[in-house]
């Protein structure tokens, strides 16, 4: 028992370095002052550093660690009639995303991650928002797309963010919905990847080791939030995301 654990720890440590720690720290800053974008920032860079499958499990483990802290409070404000069908559909389609992950060339996947991030930035900068009704059918469709994208690229957030943050719901409700959705789906994703042998425990251990850097960044980002308007920090976050996307695309 100790030997496999020590082997996983050694493998996880071998893939770490100042660059990975710095990426985790900046991702935390974004989560702290903008409230979104941490996974989208990490994915294009970690895909280059660790490889596609390892990156997905590492990012999911880090995001899950954040969600564990936020979920107890968020679940009380969650709109389960929307998040429930969305999460179920996402979990059902995670194996589809895993199948695509294993069948598509890693270089193509890395470019796809970068393009998704850049596409999300372009939509956010354009000011476009979804204006249709929110119901279980639409939520399930968004969840299916997100689940497939999450297991293939780890970047399943854009359709969920654009859907849940639209409309006239209070920001607190949108935030609770997003936290709850990520909490449920990231548990399922990590379990799927470990149970099927898609990745080893080292990828999850790596996420645990990097999480403190993200946590420190989130704490500092939260303190910085009061120094400028939310719109300013949102713009800064989008610029950072665009930089990460371009790095992944041109690397």
Protein backbone atom coordinates (compact mmCIF):
# COMPACT_ATOMS: atom_id res chain seq x y z
CA UNK A 1 0.00 0.00 0.00
CA UNK A 2 2.73 2.45 0.92
CA UNK A 3 4.75 1.65 -2.17
CA UNK A 4 2.00 2.58 -4.66
CA UNK A 5 1.31 5.78 -2.72
CA UNK A 6 4.98 6.73 -2.68
CA UNK A 7 5.24 5.93 -6.38
CA UNK A 8 2.24 8.17 -7.14
CA UNK A 9 3.75 10.95 -5.06
CA UNK A 10 7.10 10.64 -6.82
CA UNK A 11 5.41 10.70 -10.23
CA UNK A 12 3.33 13.73 -9.27
CA UNK A 13 6.38 15.60 -7.99
CA UNK A 14 8.33 14.85 -11.15
CA UNK A 15 5.84 16.84 -13.20
CA UNK A 16 5.82 19.89 -10.96
CA UNK A 17 7.94 23.02 -11.12
CA UNK A 18 7.83 26.80 -10.80
CA UNK A 19 5.81 27.14 -14.02
CA UNK A 20 3.00 24.85 -12.80
CA UNK A 21 2.94 26.53 -9.38
CA UNK A 22 2.80 29.96 -11.03
CA UNK A 23 -0.10 28.91 -13.25
CA UNK A 24 -1.99 27.60 -10.21
CA UNK A 25 -1.35 30.87 -8.35
CA UNK A 26 -2.59 33.06 -11.22
CA UNK A 27 -5.64 30.79 -11.61
CA UNK A 28 -6.37 31.40 -7.94
CA UNK A 29 -6.05 35.14 -8.43
CA UNK A 30 -8.64 34.97 -11.20
CA UNK A 31 -11.02 32.89 -9.10
CA UNK A 32 -10.58 35.29 -6.20
CA UNK A 33 -11.13 38.60 -8.01
CA UNK A 34 -13.24 37.64 -11.03
CA UNK A 35 -15.10 34.56 -9.78
CA UNK A 36 -14.51 32.52 -12.96
CA UNK A 37 -11.87 31.39 -15.42
CA UNK A 38 -9.49 29.37 -13.25
CA UNK A 39 -9.96 26.08 -15.12
CA UNK A 40 -9.99 27.83 -18.50
CA UNK A 41 -6.69 29.51 -17.64
CA UNK A 42 -4.98 26.34 -16.42
CA UNK A 43 -6.18 24.00 -19.16
CA UNK A 44 -4.30 25.33 -22.24
CA UNK A 45 -1.02 25.62 -20.30
CA UNK A 46 -1.29 22.38 -18.30
CA UNK A 47 -2.18 20.52 -21.51
CA UNK A 48 1.27 21.48 -22.80
CA UNK A 49 3.04 20.71 -19.50
CA UNK A 50 1.31 17.47 -18.46
CA UNK A 51 -0.57 16.15 -21.49
CA UNK A 52 -4.32 16.16 -22.13
CA UNK A 53 -5.61 13.34 -19.89
CA UNK A 54 -3.29 14.19 -16.98
CA UNK A 55 -4.23 17.85 -17.27
CA UNK A 56 -7.95 17.10 -17.09
CA UNK A 57 -7.65 15.06 -13.89
CA UNK A 58 -5.27 17.57 -12.27
CA UNK A 59 -7.51 20.55 -13.04
CA UNK A 60 -10.62 18.63 -11.93
CA UNK A 61 -8.97 17.73 -8.60
CA UNK A 62 -8.05 21.37 -7.97
CA UNK A 63 -11.50 22.66 -8.92
CA UNK A 64 -13.11 19.99 -6.74
CA UNK A 65 -11.01 21.10 -3.77
CA UNK A 66 -12.39 24.62 -4.24
CA UNK A 67 -15.97 23.38 -4.65
CA UNK A 68 -15.83 21.27 -1.48
CA UNK A 69 -15.32 24.45 0.52
CA UNK A 70 -18.04 26.40 -1.30
CA UNK A 71 -20.73 23.75 -1.75
CA UNK A 72 -22.22 23.62 1.78
CA UNK A 73 -23.34 27.24 1.55
CA UNK A 74 -24.10 27.18 -2.17
CA UNK A 75 -26.49 24.23 -2.10
CA UNK A 76 -29.06 26.22 -0.13
CA UNK A 77 -29.37 28.79 -2.92
CA UNK A 78 -29.14 26.31 -5.80
CA UNK A 79 -32.01 25.99 -8.30
CA UNK A 80 -32.12 22.19 -8.33
CA UNK A 81 -34.86 22.08 -11.00
CA UNK A 82 -32.23 23.47 -13.41
CA UNK A 83 -28.96 22.17 -11.97
CA UNK A 84 -30.32 18.65 -11.39
CA UNK A 85 -31.09 17.80 -15.05
CA UNK A 86 -27.95 19.64 -16.15
CA UNK A 87 -25.68 17.67 -13.80
CA UNK A 88 -27.31 14.31 -14.62
CA UNK A 89 -26.92 14.90 -18.37
CA UNK A 90 -23.31 16.00 -17.90
CA UNK A 91 -22.47 12.85 -15.93
CA UNK A 92 -24.16 10.63 -18.53
CA UNK A 93 -22.08 12.24 -21.30
CA UNK A 94 -18.74 12.16 -19.46
CA UNK A 95 -17.92 8.72 -20.98
CA UNK A 96 -18.57 10.18 -24.45
CA UNK A 97 -16.00 12.88 -23.75
CA UNK A 98 -13.56 10.28 -22.43
CA UNK A 99 -13.99 8.27 -25.63
CA UNK A 100 -13.17 11.36 -27.68
CA UNK A 101 -10.17 12.09 -25.44
CA UNK A 102 -8.69 8.65 -26.09
CA UNK A 103 -9.44 8.73 -29.80
CA UNK A 104 -8.20 12.18 -30.79
CA UNK A 105 -4.57 13.22 -31.14
CA UNK A 106 -3.24 15.05 -28.06
CA UNK A 107 -1.96 17.99 -30.12
CA UNK A 108 -5.37 18.51 -31.68
CA UNK A 109 -7.00 18.40 -28.25
CA UNK A 110 -4.57 20.99 -26.90
CA UNK A 111 -5.45 23.31 -29.78
CA UNK A 112 -9.16 22.64 -29.23
CA UNK A 113 -8.83 23.68 -25.57
CA UNK A 114 -7.17 26.94 -26.63
CA UNK A 115 -9.84 27.66 -29.25
CA UNK A 116 -12.67 27.04 -26.76
CA UNK A 117 -11.08 29.45 -24.30
CA UNK A 118 -10.59 32.11 -26.98
CA UNK A 119 -14.16 31.61 -28.19
CA UNK A 120 -15.50 32.13 -24.68
CA UNK A 121 -13.44 35.32 -24.31
CA UNK A 122 -14.80 36.64 -27.61
CA UNK A 123 -18.41 35.96 -26.54
CA UNK A 124 -17.90 37.61 -23.15
CA UNK A 125 -16.28 40.68 -24.73
CA UNK A 126 -19.13 40.97 -27.26
CA UNK A 127 -21.65 41.25 -24.43
CA UNK A 128 -23.86 38.47 -25.84
CA UNK A 129 -26.07 36.62 -23.35
CA UNK A 130 -28.56 33.79 -23.65
CA UNK A 131 -32.10 35.25 -23.53
CA UNK A 132 -34.22 32.12 -23.83
CA UNK A 133 -36.22 30.41 -21.11
CA UNK A 134 -34.48 28.19 -18.59
CA UNK A 135 -36.07 24.80 -18.18
CA UNK A 136 -35.08 21.18 -17.56
CA UNK A 137 -34.80 20.31 -21.27
CA UNK A 138 -32.52 23.22 -22.11
CA UNK A 139 -30.52 22.61 -18.95
CA UNK A 140 -30.05 18.94 -19.88
CA UNK A 141 -28.83 19.88 -23.37
CA UNK A 142 -26.32 22.34 -21.90
CA UNK A 143 -25.23 19.69 -19.40
CA UNK A 144 -24.69 17.10 -22.14
CA UNK A 145 -22.46 19.50 -24.10
CA UNK A 146 -20.59 20.52 -20.95
CA UNK A 147 -20.04 16.94 -19.80
CA UNK A 148 -18.62 15.94 -23.18
CA UNK A 149 -16.35 18.99 -23.29
CA UNK A 150 -15.21 18.51 -19.68
CA UNK A 151 -14.06 14.93 -20.16
CA UNK A 152 -12.41 15.75 -23.48
CA UNK A 153 -10.71 19.06 -22.69
CA UNK A 154 -11.53 19.92 -19.01
CA UNK A 155 -13.06 23.15 -20.37
CA UNK A 156 -16.76 22.45 -19.94
CA UNK A 157 -17.50 25.75 -18.28
CA UNK A 158 -18.37 28.09 -21.20
CA UNK A 159 -21.82 26.68 -22.07
CA UNK A 160 -22.73 26.40 -18.37
CA UNK A 161 -21.56 29.92 -17.54
CA UNK A 162 -23.31 31.48 -20.54
CA UNK A 163 -26.53 29.62 -19.68
CA UNK A 164 -26.65 29.98 -15.90
CA UNK A 165 -25.45 33.58 -15.72
CA UNK A 166 -28.03 34.80 -18.23
CA UNK A 167 -31.46 36.14 -17.41
CA UNK A 168 -32.59 38.13 -14.42
CA UNK A 169 -31.60 35.79 -11.61
CA UNK A 170 -29.62 37.33 -8.76
CA UNK A 171 -25.85 36.90 -9.02
CA UNK A 172 -25.94 34.84 -5.81
CA UNK A 173 -28.28 32.31 -7.41
CA UNK A 174 -26.14 32.01 -10.53
CA UNK A 175 -23.05 31.55 -8.37
CA UNK A 176 -24.75 28.85 -6.26
CA UNK A 177 -25.89 27.01 -9.39
CA UNK A 178 -22.40 27.02 -10.90
CA UNK A 179 -20.67 25.88 -7.69
CA UNK A 180 -23.16 23.03 -7.23
CA UNK A 181 -22.86 21.88 -10.84
CA UNK A 182 -19.06 21.86 -10.71
CA UNK A 183 -19.04 20.04 -7.36
CA UNK A 184 -21.22 17.18 -8.60
CA UNK A 185 -19.67 16.80 -12.04
CA UNK A 186 -16.04 17.00 -10.92
CA UNK A 187 -16.59 14.21 -8.39
CA UNK A 188 -17.99 12.07 -11.21
CA UNK A 189 -15.16 13.02 -13.59
CA UNK A 190 -12.35 12.17 -11.17
CA UNK A 191 -14.08 8.89 -10.24
CA UNK A 192 -14.54 7.97 -13.92
CA UNK A 193 -10.93 8.66 -14.87
CA UNK A 194 -9.52 6.73 -11.91
CA UNK A 195 -11.95 3.78 -12.21
CA UNK A 196 -11.26 3.33 -15.93
CA UNK A 197 -7.50 3.76 -15.61
CA UNK A 198 -7.54 6.81 -17.89
CA UNK A 199 -5.07 8.39 -15.45
CA UNK A 200 -3.26 7.19 -12.38
CA UNK A 201 -3.48 8.57 -8.87
CA UNK A 202 -0.46 10.80 -9.62
CA UNK A 203 -2.61 13.20 -11.65
CA UNK A 204 -4.97 13.72 -8.70
CA UNK A 205 -2.08 13.94 -6.23
CA UNK A 206 -0.53 16.62 -8.45
CA UNK A 207 -3.74 18.62 -8.22
CA UNK A 208 -3.68 18.33 -4.41
CA UNK A 209 -0.06 19.52 -4.33
CA UNK A 210 -0.79 22.49 -6.58
CA UNK A 211 -3.97 23.49 -4.76
CA UNK A 212 -2.23 25.49 -1.97
CA UNK A 213 -0.74 27.82 -4.61
CA UNK A 214 -4.21 28.31 -6.04
CA UNK A 215 -5.62 28.91 -2.56
CA UNK A 216 -3.06 31.63 -1.80
CA UNK A 217 -3.81 33.28 -5.15
CA UNK A 218 -7.56 33.17 -4.44
CA UNK A 219 -7.02 34.81 -1.05
CA UNK A 220 -4.96 37.63 -2.56
CA UNK A 221 -7.41 37.99 -5.44
CA UNK A 222 -10.28 38.36 -3.00
CA UNK A 223 -8.43 41.18 -1.24
CA UNK A 224 -7.64 42.89 -4.56
CA UNK A 225 -11.29 42.80 -5.59
CA UNK A 226 -12.10 45.93 -3.61
CA UNK A 227 -9.41 48.02 -5.31
CA UNK A 228 -11.21 48.42 -8.62
CA UNK A 229 -14.64 47.96 -10.16
CA UNK A 230 -15.89 44.41 -10.94
CA UNK A 231 -16.00 45.38 -14.63
CA UNK A 232 -12.29 46.23 -14.55
CA UNK A 233 -11.33 42.94 -12.97
CA UNK A 234 -13.61 41.07 -15.38
CA UNK A 235 -11.78 42.70 -18.29
CA UNK A 236 -8.39 41.84 -16.76
CA UNK A 237 -9.51 38.23 -16.29
CA UNK A 238 -10.58 38.00 -19.93
CA UNK A 239 -7.23 39.40 -21.09
CA UNK A 240 -5.43 36.78 -18.98
CA UNK A 241 -7.64 34.03 -20.43
CA UNK A 242 -6.95 35.26 -23.95
CA UNK A 243 -3.21 35.16 -23.25
CA UNK A 244 -3.46 31.57 -22.00
CA UNK A 245 -5.55 30.60 -25.02
CA UNK A 246 -3.05 32.11 -27.43
CA UNK A 247 -0.21 30.32 -25.64
CA UNK A 248 -1.97 26.98 -26.09
CA UNK A 249 -2.84 27.73 -29.70
CA UNK A 250 0.57 28.98 -30.84
CA UNK A 251 2.75 26.71 -28.68
